[in-house]
N, C-alpha and C. Protein backbone atom coordinates (compact mmCIF):
# COMPACT_ATOMS: atom_id res chain seq x y z
N MET A 1 -20.67 -30.69 9.59
CA MET A 1 -21.02 -28.76 10.30
C MET A 1 -21.08 -27.98 9.10
N CYS A 2 -20.06 -27.93 8.27
CA CYS A 2 -19.03 -27.03 7.58
C CYS A 2 -20.22 -27.08 6.28
N GLY A 3 -20.88 -28.34 5.85
CA GLY A 3 -20.91 -28.46 4.52
C GLY A 3 -20.25 -29.28 3.39
N ALA A 4 -18.72 -29.22 3.89
CA ALA A 4 -17.77 -29.12 2.75
C ALA A 4 -17.68 -30.77 2.64
N THR A 5 -17.96 -31.96 3.22
CA THR A 5 -18.26 -33.60 3.31
C THR A 5 -19.76 -34.04 3.03
N ARG A 6 -19.95 -34.50 2.75
CA ARG A 6 -21.30 -34.99 2.36
C ARG A 6 -21.94 -36.29 1.93
N PHE A 7 -22.86 -36.85 2.87
CA PHE A 7 -22.94 -38.10 2.08
C PHE A 7 -23.75 -38.37 1.84
N ARG A 8 -24.75 -39.56 0.87
CA ARG A 8 -25.86 -39.91 0.43
C ARG A 8 -26.17 -40.95 0.90
N ALA A 9 -27.01 -41.89 2.05
CA ALA A 9 -26.92 -42.49 2.19
C ALA A 9 -29.06 -43.33 1.64
N GLU A 10 -29.03 -44.25 0.96
CA GLU A 10 -30.28 -44.93 -0.34
C GLU A 10 -30.15 -45.86 0.72
N GLY A 11 -31.19 -46.40 0.82
CA GLY A 11 -32.15 -47.57 1.28
C GLY A 11 -32.44 -46.96 2.86
N ASP A 12 -33.21 -48.47 3.24
CA ASP A 12 -34.07 -48.29 4.92
C ASP A 12 -32.32 -48.89 5.70
N PRO A 13 -32.34 -48.16 6.88
CA PRO A 13 -31.55 -48.27 8.09
C PRO A 13 -31.99 -49.47 8.06
N LEU A 14 -30.74 -50.10 8.59
CA LEU A 14 -30.63 -51.32 9.17
C LEU A 14 -31.36 -51.20 10.67
N TRP A 15 -30.64 -50.58 11.70
CA TRP A 15 -30.90 -50.14 12.75
C TRP A 15 -30.39 -48.76 13.14
N GLN A 16 -30.73 -48.42 14.16
CA GLN A 16 -30.71 -46.81 15.02
C GLN A 16 -30.53 -47.22 16.04
N THR A 17 -29.53 -46.79 16.81
CA THR A 17 -29.26 -47.27 18.50
C THR A 17 -28.54 -45.60 18.89
N THR A 18 -27.92 -45.58 19.90
CA THR A 18 -26.87 -45.20 20.50
C THR A 18 -26.02 -46.44 21.16
N CYS A 19 -24.82 -45.61 21.13
CA CYS A 19 -23.73 -46.29 21.77
C CYS A 19 -22.84 -45.36 23.14
N HIS A 20 -22.98 -46.16 23.98
CA HIS A 20 -22.52 -45.86 25.20
C HIS A 20 -20.50 -46.09 25.64
N CYS A 21 -20.43 -46.76 24.39
CA CYS A 21 -18.99 -47.44 24.95
C CYS A 21 -18.08 -46.34 24.41
N ARG A 22 -16.89 -46.32 25.80
CA ARG A 22 -15.93 -45.70 26.13
C ARG A 22 -15.14 -45.18 24.70
N ASP A 23 -14.74 -45.85 23.94
CA ASP A 23 -14.52 -46.08 22.16
C ASP A 23 -15.43 -44.97 21.45
N CYS A 24 -16.35 -44.84 21.53
CA CYS A 24 -17.16 -43.92 20.47
C CYS A 24 -17.36 -42.55 21.56
N GLN A 25 -17.07 -42.73 23.17
CA GLN A 25 -17.30 -41.58 23.46
C GLN A 25 -15.91 -40.83 23.23
N ARG A 26 -15.16 -41.30 23.30
CA ARG A 26 -13.22 -40.45 22.83
C ARG A 26 -13.89 -39.97 21.76
N ALA A 27 -13.89 -41.04 20.84
CA ALA A 27 -14.02 -40.44 19.16
C ALA A 27 -14.89 -38.98 19.21
N ALA A 28 -16.13 -39.03 19.59
CA ALA A 28 -16.56 -38.15 19.32
C ALA A 28 -16.42 -37.33 20.13
N GLY A 29 -15.93 -37.18 21.76
CA GLY A 29 -15.79 -35.94 22.92
C GLY A 29 -17.33 -35.89 23.23
N ALA A 30 -17.90 -36.89 23.20
CA ALA A 30 -19.59 -37.49 23.60
C ALA A 30 -19.78 -38.27 24.87
N ASP A 31 -20.76 -37.67 25.69
CA ASP A 31 -21.35 -39.22 26.06
C ASP A 31 -21.94 -40.15 25.84
N TYR A 32 -22.51 -40.08 24.60
CA TYR A 32 -22.82 -41.39 23.71
C TYR A 32 -23.08 -40.93 22.63
N VAL A 33 -22.54 -41.45 21.45
CA VAL A 33 -23.18 -41.59 20.28
C VAL A 33 -24.58 -42.12 19.80
N SER A 34 -24.73 -41.13 18.75
CA SER A 34 -26.43 -41.40 17.90
C SER A 34 -25.65 -42.22 16.70
N TRP A 35 -26.58 -43.57 16.23
CA TRP A 35 -26.09 -44.27 14.63
C TRP A 35 -27.05 -44.38 14.29
N ILE A 36 -26.90 -44.40 12.89
CA ILE A 36 -28.14 -44.95 12.59
C ILE A 36 -27.30 -46.21 10.83
N GLY A 37 -27.43 -47.47 11.74
CA GLY A 37 -26.39 -48.31 10.22
C GLY A 37 -27.38 -48.38 8.45
N MET A 38 -26.35 -48.02 7.98
CA MET A 38 -27.18 -47.89 6.35
C MET A 38 -26.00 -49.25 6.23
N PRO A 39 -26.95 -49.64 4.35
CA PRO A 39 -26.31 -50.64 3.82
C PRO A 39 -24.91 -50.10 3.16
N ARG A 40 -23.76 -50.99 3.41
CA ARG A 40 -22.20 -49.71 3.33
C ARG A 40 -22.58 -49.64 1.43
N ALA A 41 -23.53 -50.60 0.34
CA ALA A 41 -23.23 -50.39 -1.25
C ALA A 41 -24.25 -49.03 -0.65
N GLY A 42 -25.23 -48.62 -0.33
CA GLY A 42 -26.45 -47.38 -0.84
C GLY A 42 -25.01 -45.91 -0.05
N VAL A 43 -24.39 -46.09 0.13
CA VAL A 43 -24.07 -44.72 0.78
C VAL A 43 -22.78 -44.57 0.26
N THR A 44 -22.69 -43.20 0.00
CA THR A 44 -21.62 -42.80 -1.55
C THR A 44 -21.01 -41.27 -0.49
N TRP A 45 -20.03 -40.56 -0.93
CA TRP A 45 -19.33 -39.65 -0.53
C TRP A 45 -19.42 -38.65 -1.51
N SER A 46 -18.95 -37.00 -1.23
CA SER A 46 -18.26 -36.29 -2.02
C SER A 46 -17.73 -35.66 -0.46
N GLY A 47 -16.79 -35.04 -1.36
CA GLY A 47 -15.98 -33.62 -0.86
C GLY A 47 -14.92 -34.25 0.44
N PRO A 48 -14.23 -33.63 0.48
CA PRO A 48 -12.89 -34.37 1.98
C PRO A 48 -13.06 -34.77 3.11
N ARG A 49 -12.74 -36.07 2.72
CA ARG A 49 -12.70 -36.88 4.26
C ARG A 49 -12.22 -37.66 4.31
N ARG A 50 -11.06 -38.28 5.66
CA ARG A 50 -10.59 -38.92 5.82
C ARG A 50 -10.44 -39.69 6.82
N THR A 51 -10.11 -41.09 7.04
CA THR A 51 -10.20 -42.16 7.60
C THR A 51 -8.78 -42.17 8.87
N PHE A 52 -9.20 -43.10 9.50
CA PHE A 52 -8.11 -43.25 10.63
C PHE A 52 -8.69 -44.62 11.47
N HIS A 53 -7.54 -45.38 11.46
CA HIS A 53 -8.22 -47.06 12.38
C HIS A 53 -8.00 -46.80 13.80
N SER A 54 -9.57 -46.04 14.90
CA SER A 54 -8.69 -45.87 16.13
C SER A 54 -9.19 -47.29 16.43
N SER A 55 -9.30 -48.75 16.30
CA SER A 55 -8.94 -49.78 16.90
C SER A 55 -8.76 -50.84 15.98
N SER A 56 -8.74 -52.21 16.55
CA SER A 56 -8.49 -53.46 15.41
C SER A 56 -9.29 -53.44 14.67
N GLY A 57 -9.29 -53.41 13.26
CA GLY A 57 -10.62 -53.70 12.61
C GLY A 57 -11.56 -52.44 12.33
N VAL A 58 -11.72 -51.63 13.17
CA VAL A 58 -12.33 -50.51 13.18
C VAL A 58 -11.58 -49.29 11.94
N THR A 59 -12.66 -48.60 11.29
CA THR A 59 -12.40 -47.10 10.52
C THR A 59 -13.29 -46.31 10.89
N ARG A 60 -12.99 -44.82 10.95
CA ARG A 60 -13.80 -43.95 11.39
C ARG A 60 -13.42 -42.50 10.19
N SER A 61 -14.21 -42.11 9.83
CA SER A 61 -13.75 -40.84 9.47
C SER A 61 -14.50 -39.81 9.40
N PHE A 62 -13.94 -38.41 9.34
CA PHE A 62 -14.46 -36.92 9.63
C PHE A 62 -13.97 -36.32 8.59
N CYS A 63 -15.06 -35.08 8.40
CA CYS A 63 -14.40 -34.14 7.33
C CYS A 63 -12.83 -33.73 7.67
N THR A 64 -12.02 -33.32 7.04
CA THR A 64 -10.88 -32.99 6.84
C THR A 64 -10.91 -31.54 7.01
N ASP A 65 -12.04 -30.30 6.70
CA ASP A 65 -12.04 -29.31 6.93
C ASP A 65 -12.53 -28.64 8.61
N CYS A 66 -13.72 -28.93 8.73
CA CYS A 66 -14.13 -28.79 10.76
C CYS A 66 -14.25 -30.04 11.31
N GLY A 67 -13.37 -31.32 10.97
CA GLY A 67 -13.39 -32.28 11.51
C GLY A 67 -14.75 -32.70 12.42
N THR A 68 -15.43 -32.31 11.53
CA THR A 68 -16.95 -33.40 12.11
C THR A 68 -16.75 -35.08 12.27
N PRO A 69 -17.40 -36.10 13.13
CA PRO A 69 -17.07 -37.35 13.13
C PRO A 69 -17.93 -37.44 11.90
N LEU A 70 -17.98 -38.13 10.75
CA LEU A 70 -19.02 -38.94 10.29
C LEU A 70 -19.59 -40.25 10.05
N SER A 71 -18.55 -40.63 10.18
CA SER A 71 -18.78 -42.55 9.76
C SER A 71 -17.74 -43.14 10.98
N TYR A 72 -18.51 -45.04 11.13
CA TYR A 72 -17.91 -46.18 11.30
C TYR A 72 -18.16 -47.41 10.90
N GLU A 73 -16.97 -48.11 10.16
CA GLU A 73 -17.31 -48.72 9.43
C GLU A 73 -15.88 -50.26 10.72
N THR A 74 -16.49 -51.67 10.48
CA THR A 74 -15.83 -52.64 10.89
C THR A 74 -16.31 -53.45 10.47
N GLU A 75 -14.73 -54.52 10.62
CA GLU A 75 -14.47 -55.70 9.57
C GLU A 75 -15.33 -56.69 10.25
N ASP A 76 -16.14 -56.96 10.87
CA ASP A 76 -17.28 -57.44 12.04
C ASP A 76 -18.53 -57.82 11.18
N LEU A 77 -18.54 -56.31 10.74
CA LEU A 77 -20.07 -56.10 9.93
C LEU A 77 -19.52 -55.66 8.55
N PRO A 78 -18.96 -56.30 7.37
CA PRO A 78 -18.28 -55.15 5.86
C PRO A 78 -19.64 -54.57 4.84
N GLU A 79 -20.56 -55.35 6.06
CA GLU A 79 -22.01 -54.94 4.73
C GLU A 79 -22.39 -53.22 4.88
N GLU A 80 -22.52 -53.02 6.69
CA GLU A 80 -22.57 -52.08 7.17
C GLU A 80 -21.85 -50.50 7.35
N THR A 81 -22.16 -49.42 6.78
CA THR A 81 -21.44 -48.16 7.24
C THR A 81 -22.65 -47.76 8.48
N HIS A 82 -21.86 -47.65 9.81
CA HIS A 82 -22.64 -46.26 10.36
C HIS A 82 -22.14 -45.18 10.38
N LEU A 83 -23.43 -44.60 10.50
CA LEU A 83 -23.51 -42.85 10.25
C LEU A 83 -23.90 -42.43 11.59
N TYR A 84 -23.40 -41.23 11.90
CA TYR A 84 -23.40 -40.44 12.78
C TYR A 84 -24.44 -39.54 12.72
N ALA A 85 -26.01 -39.80 13.63
CA ALA A 85 -27.30 -39.53 13.27
C ALA A 85 -27.25 -37.85 13.02
N PRO A 86 -26.61 -37.15 14.40
CA PRO A 86 -26.79 -35.61 13.97
C PRO A 86 -26.07 -35.16 12.74
N THR A 87 -25.71 -36.21 12.06
CA THR A 87 -25.18 -35.22 10.42
C THR A 87 -25.77 -35.27 9.62
N LEU A 88 -27.18 -36.23 9.71
CA LEU A 88 -27.91 -36.15 8.81
C LEU A 88 -28.31 -34.58 8.84
N ASP A 89 -29.25 -34.19 7.22
CA ASP A 89 -29.80 -32.85 6.90
C ASP A 89 -31.06 -32.66 7.69
N ASP A 90 -31.71 -34.38 8.37
CA ASP A 90 -33.30 -33.92 8.79
C ASP A 90 -32.83 -35.22 9.70
N PRO A 91 -32.22 -34.55 11.08
CA PRO A 91 -31.80 -35.73 12.28
C PRO A 91 -32.93 -35.78 13.23
N SER A 92 -34.23 -35.30 12.76
CA SER A 92 -35.32 -36.00 13.47
C SER A 92 -36.17 -37.36 12.96
N VAL A 93 -35.45 -37.93 11.67
CA VAL A 93 -35.32 -38.78 10.92
C VAL A 93 -35.01 -40.11 12.66
N TYR A 94 -33.74 -39.70 12.27
CA TYR A 94 -33.52 -41.01 13.55
C TYR A 94 -34.23 -41.12 14.95
N ARG A 95 -34.46 -42.52 14.59
CA ARG A 95 -35.26 -43.07 16.10
C ARG A 95 -34.60 -44.31 16.34
N PRO A 96 -34.02 -44.27 17.73
CA PRO A 96 -33.25 -44.69 18.26
C PRO A 96 -34.19 -46.23 19.04
N THR A 97 -33.54 -47.50 18.17
CA THR A 97 -34.60 -48.93 19.10
C THR A 97 -34.00 -48.81 20.42
N ALA A 98 -32.38 -48.92 20.92
CA ALA A 98 -31.92 -49.62 21.64
C ALA A 98 -30.61 -49.36 21.76
N GLN A 99 -30.21 -49.32 22.75
CA GLN A 99 -28.48 -48.71 23.02
C GLN A 99 -27.77 -50.14 23.71
N LEU A 100 -26.59 -49.52 22.70
CA LEU A 100 -25.47 -50.44 22.78
C LEU A 100 -24.50 -49.74 24.29
N TYR A 101 -23.93 -50.99 24.98
CA TYR A 101 -22.63 -50.53 25.76
C TYR A 101 -23.16 -50.00 26.54
N PHE A 102 -24.39 -50.07 27.47
CA PHE A 102 -25.16 -49.85 28.18
C PHE A 102 -24.60 -49.28 29.59
N ALA A 103 -23.84 -50.48 30.21
CA ALA A 103 -23.02 -50.40 30.84
C ALA A 103 -21.77 -49.51 30.98
N GLU A 104 -21.35 -49.25 30.61
CA GLU A 104 -20.57 -48.08 29.69
C GLU A 104 -21.06 -46.51 29.94
N ARG A 105 -22.51 -46.63 30.22
CA ARG A 105 -22.97 -45.38 30.21
C ARG A 105 -22.21 -44.33 31.35
N VAL A 106 -22.48 -42.97 30.82
CA VAL A 106 -21.64 -41.89 32.22
C VAL A 106 -22.57 -42.32 32.94
N ALA A 107 -22.66 -41.93 34.27
CA ALA A 107 -24.05 -42.11 35.42
C ALA A 107 -24.75 -41.15 35.39
N TRP A 108 -24.20 -39.80 35.56
CA TRP A 108 -24.85 -38.95 35.51
C TRP A 108 -26.37 -38.60 34.21
N LEU A 109 -26.17 -39.36 33.31
CA LEU A 109 -27.37 -39.42 32.77
C LEU A 109 -29.02 -39.63 32.71
N GLU A 110 -28.93 -40.30 33.85
CA GLU A 110 -30.05 -40.70 34.39
C GLU A 110 -30.64 -39.61 35.26
N GLY A 111 -29.93 -38.49 35.21
CA GLY A 111 -30.38 -37.32 35.88
C GLY A 111 -31.10 -36.22 35.13
N LEU A 112 -30.41 -36.60 33.84
CA LEU A 112 -30.55 -35.09 32.81
C LEU A 112 -32.08 -34.70 32.76
N ARG A 113 -33.04 -35.54 33.36
CA ARG A 113 -34.42 -34.87 33.35
C ARG A 113 -34.88 -34.04 34.59
N GLU A 114 -34.34 -33.89 35.04
CA GLU A 114 -34.64 -33.79 36.55
C GLU A 114 -33.87 -32.15 36.70
N LEU A 115 -32.99 -31.70 35.65
CA LEU A 115 -31.92 -31.01 35.38
C LEU A 115 -32.97 -29.71 34.16
N PRO A 116 -32.84 -28.37 34.67
CA PRO A 116 -33.48 -27.03 33.95
C PRO A 116 -33.36 -27.54 32.49
N GLY A 117 -34.19 -26.53 31.91
CA GLY A 117 -34.13 -27.47 30.38
C GLY A 117 -33.84 -25.71 29.58
N HIS A 118 -32.99 -25.28 29.04
CA HIS A 118 -33.05 -23.62 28.73
C HIS A 118 -33.69 -24.01 26.78
N THR A 119 -34.18 -22.97 26.24
CA THR A 119 -34.91 -22.99 24.92
C THR A 119 -33.45 -22.79 23.90
N LYS A 120 -32.74 -22.15 23.85
CA LYS A 120 -31.30 -22.13 23.77
C LYS A 120 -30.20 -21.96 24.69
N GLY A 121 -29.00 -20.88 24.55
CA GLY A 121 -28.02 -20.68 25.44
C GLY A 121 -28.00 -20.44 26.65
N SER A 122 -27.49 -20.63 27.79
CA SER A 122 -28.19 -20.05 29.19
C SER A 122 -28.57 -19.67 29.13
N LYS A 123 -28.73 -17.86 28.87
CA LYS A 123 -29.12 -16.83 29.23
C LYS A 123 -30.77 -17.36 28.80
N SER A 124 -31.27 -17.93 27.70
CA SER A 124 -32.76 -18.07 27.73
C SER A 124 -33.67 -18.66 28.61
N GLU A 125 -34.67 -18.90 27.85
CA GLU A 125 -36.04 -19.31 28.63
C GLU A 125 -36.03 -20.60 29.13
N ILE A 126 -36.08 -21.23 30.58
CA ILE A 126 -36.21 -22.18 30.73
C ILE A 126 -37.59 -22.50 30.95
N VAL A 127 -37.83 -24.11 30.14
CA VAL A 127 -38.87 -24.85 30.18
C VAL A 127 -39.19 -25.85 30.93
């Protein structure tokens, strides 16, 4: 968000998905998280980044300047780094192919398509 912490991800994504688990919801402060799984060896970091253990065997990272969540790594998948798709310079390359922990999704997500959509903030045009 602030640009102080950056990553470079080389190689093709291993997978692209959304996760609805409660841990991801709480860690991101969001209804679900959009992930891109990358080979860990192809991800390099620059700038201030802090890591923490959110649960057994799981390490998450965030920018120490602005708090933006950046990554997820688990001992269960030691060759992978999971990157938050919205933090990509071009998030339009994100194309999810599956949803994880679908049973834990927030129920009201189903009705979002029926709600009015503003082009920008709440005072902007409805499309």
